[in-house]
Amino acid sequence: MGRYTFYPWQHLRHMREEINDLMDQALDPCRGWGQDKFPVWQPPTDAYETETSFILEMELPGVDQEKIRVEARDGYLVVYGDSRLERDVTAGAYQVMERTYGPFARRFPLPSDADVENVSARLKDGILTVTVPRKSKRSARVRIEINE
């Protein structure tokens, strides 16, 4: 019979590793996704679901469509890009600067019934709307016949 050595700190070590992973994800939401820049800000987003789809609406005023990337991979929907300050104020100085510029990123877990093959995205009036359709509904209850 094998011998078991009780190590009381193993559980705490595992918890520390999980907390470190969560902190890394909070600081860099697109870590390991091919993003070449560290995200500086996260655009405000509303996420909701209907019977047929999951919908994200993200505020991206003034961001060109060409500078936005939307990807569905490994169970996540990732939106990232870059917002640049286009004005040069060399003749004066800013008095107030409240808008955020630079690289941005958001990552959202996709539900198990997400149809990632048919995701659509649309940018209109500074709002990016990403629609993730649900796969066809399967009945939650299935009657199983008992054979003799």
Protein backbone atom coordinates (compact mmCIF):
# COMPACT_ATOMS: atom_id res chain seq x y z
CA MET A 1 0.00 0.00 0.00
CA GLY A 2 1.35 3.46 -0.93
CA ARG A 3 2.15 6.14 1.56
CA TYR A 4 0.37 9.48 1.47
CA THR A 5 2.12 12.58 2.78
CA PHE A 6 -0.24 15.34 3.86
CA TYR A 7 0.91 18.78 2.71
CA PRO A 8 -1.44 21.46 4.13
CA TRP A 9 -0.07 24.34 2.03
CA GLN A 10 -0.77 22.73 -1.35
CA HIS A 11 -4.34 24.07 -1.39
CA LEU A 12 -3.13 27.61 -0.64
CA ARG A 13 -0.48 27.38 -3.37
CA HIS A 14 -3.16 26.39 -5.87
CA MET A 15 -5.37 29.31 -4.78
CA ARG A 16 -2.44 31.72 -5.16
CA GLU A 17 -1.83 30.50 -8.72
CA GLU A 18 -5.51 31.02 -9.59
CA ILE A 19 -5.48 34.54 -8.12
CA ASN A 20 -2.31 35.38 -10.07
CA ASP A 21 -3.97 34.18 -13.28
CA LEU A 22 -7.05 36.32 -12.57
CA MET A 23 -4.88 39.38 -11.93
CA ASP A 24 -2.92 38.78 -15.15
CA GLN A 25 -6.17 38.56 -17.11
CA ALA A 26 -7.50 41.75 -15.52
CA LEU A 27 -4.35 43.65 -16.41
CA ASP A 28 -4.02 42.18 -19.89
CA PRO A 29 -7.36 40.81 -21.13
CA CYS A 30 -5.93 39.68 -24.47
CA ARG A 31 -2.84 37.93 -23.17
CA GLY A 32 -1.81 35.23 -25.59
CA TRP A 33 -4.27 36.33 -28.29
CA GLY A 34 -1.76 37.85 -30.69
CA GLN A 35 -2.43 41.41 -29.56
CA ASP A 36 0.83 43.29 -30.09
CA LYS A 37 0.05 46.17 -27.71
CA PHE A 38 -0.87 46.25 -24.05
CA PRO A 39 -4.47 47.53 -23.75
CA VAL A 40 -4.68 50.93 -22.06
CA TRP A 41 -8.45 51.09 -21.68
CA GLN A 42 -11.63 49.05 -21.89
CA PRO A 43 -14.58 50.50 -23.79
CA PRO A 44 -17.92 50.55 -21.92
CA THR A 45 -20.06 47.64 -23.06
CA ASP A 46 -23.61 46.40 -22.61
CA ALA A 47 -24.13 42.66 -23.02
CA TYR A 48 -27.51 40.98 -23.12
CA GLU A 49 -29.21 37.92 -24.54
CA THR A 50 -32.41 37.18 -26.37
CA GLU A 51 -34.02 33.85 -27.22
CA THR A 52 -32.05 33.67 -30.46
CA SER A 53 -28.74 35.43 -29.77
CA PHE A 54 -26.24 37.08 -27.46
CA ILE A 55 -25.59 40.76 -28.16
CA LEU A 56 -22.75 43.10 -27.16
CA GLU A 57 -22.93 46.84 -27.71
CA MET A 58 -19.61 48.62 -27.22
CA GLU A 59 -19.00 52.37 -27.24
CA LEU A 60 -16.23 53.22 -29.71
CA PRO A 61 -16.82 56.84 -30.75
CA GLY A 62 -14.35 58.15 -33.28
CA VAL A 63 -12.64 54.77 -33.83
CA ASP A 64 -12.24 53.79 -37.48
CA GLN A 65 -13.70 50.43 -38.46
CA GLU A 66 -10.33 49.39 -39.86
CA LYS A 67 -8.75 49.72 -36.40
CA ILE A 68 -11.18 47.33 -34.69
CA ARG A 69 -10.76 43.54 -34.56
CA VAL A 70 -13.44 41.08 -33.43
CA GLU A 71 -12.50 37.43 -32.96
CA ALA A 72 -14.22 34.36 -31.55
CA ARG A 73 -11.79 31.71 -30.39
CA ASP A 74 -11.23 29.24 -27.60
CA GLY A 75 -14.61 29.96 -26.03
CA TYR A 76 -14.18 33.75 -25.91
CA LEU A 77 -15.29 36.75 -27.92
CA VAL A 78 -12.41 39.23 -28.09
CA VAL A 79 -12.71 42.82 -29.29
CA TYR A 80 -9.52 44.85 -29.57
CA GLY A 81 -8.10 47.74 -31.50
CA ASP A 82 -6.61 51.19 -31.29
CA SER A 83 -8.05 54.66 -30.82
CA ARG A 84 -5.72 57.48 -31.79
CA LEU A 85 -5.80 61.20 -31.10
CA GLU A 86 -5.92 62.72 -34.57
CA ARG A 87 -5.57 66.40 -33.64
CA ASP A 88 -2.29 68.21 -33.20
CA VAL A 89 -2.55 71.10 -30.78
CA THR A 90 0.91 72.59 -31.22
CA ALA A 91 -0.35 76.17 -31.22
CA GLY A 92 -2.05 75.77 -27.85
CA ALA A 93 -2.58 73.48 -24.90
CA TYR A 94 -5.42 71.24 -23.83
CA GLN A 95 -7.48 72.62 -20.98
CA VAL A 96 -9.50 69.44 -20.49
CA MET A 97 -8.82 65.99 -21.96
CA GLU A 98 -11.31 63.38 -20.77
CA ARG A 99 -11.54 60.99 -23.71
CA THR A 100 -9.33 57.91 -23.69
CA TYR A 101 -6.93 57.06 -26.51
CA GLY A 102 -4.62 54.16 -27.21
CA PRO A 103 -4.96 50.39 -27.52
CA PHE A 104 -8.13 48.85 -26.08
CA ALA A 105 -9.35 45.30 -25.49
CA ARG A 106 -12.27 43.41 -24.01
CA ARG A 107 -12.75 39.66 -23.67
CA PHE A 108 -16.10 37.95 -23.00
CA PRO A 109 -16.70 34.25 -22.34
CA LEU A 110 -19.05 32.71 -24.88
CA PRO A 111 -21.86 30.45 -23.70
CA SER A 112 -21.83 26.81 -24.73
CA ASP A 113 -24.67 27.28 -27.24
CA ALA A 114 -22.97 30.13 -29.13
CA ASP A 115 -22.81 29.69 -32.91
CA VAL A 116 -19.35 31.18 -33.53
CA GLU A 117 -19.52 30.38 -37.26
CA ASN A 118 -22.24 33.00 -37.77
CA VAL A 119 -21.14 35.94 -35.59
CA SER A 120 -21.83 39.35 -37.10
CA ALA A 121 -20.54 42.81 -36.19
CA ARG A 122 -21.70 46.28 -37.19
CA LEU A 123 -20.31 49.74 -36.40
CA LYS A 124 -22.86 52.56 -36.53
CA ASP A 125 -22.78 55.97 -34.84
CA GLY A 126 -19.82 54.97 -32.68
CA ILE A 127 -21.51 51.83 -31.32
CA LEU A 128 -20.09 48.43 -32.23
CA THR A 129 -22.84 45.80 -32.11
CA VAL A 130 -21.70 42.18 -32.11
CA THR A 131 -24.41 39.54 -32.49
CA VAL A 132 -23.62 35.94 -31.60
CA PRO A 133 -26.50 33.66 -32.64
CA ARG A 134 -27.45 30.69 -30.52
CA LYS A 135 -27.31 27.20 -31.96
CA SER A 136 -30.66 25.60 -32.58
CA LYS A 137 -32.43 24.86 -29.35
CA ARG A 138 -32.55 21.31 -28.24
CA SER A 139 -35.28 20.16 -25.96
CA ALA A 140 -34.23 20.33 -22.33
CA ARG A 141 -36.34 17.26 -21.65
CA VAL A 142 -36.03 14.05 -23.63
CA ARG A 143 -38.10 11.02 -22.86
CA ILE A 144 -36.13 7.81 -22.97
CA GLU A 145 -37.99 4.63 -23.65
CA ILE A 146 -37.18 1.60 -21.51
CA ASN A 147 -36.77 -1.60 -23.47
CA GLU A 148 -37.50 -5.07 -22.14
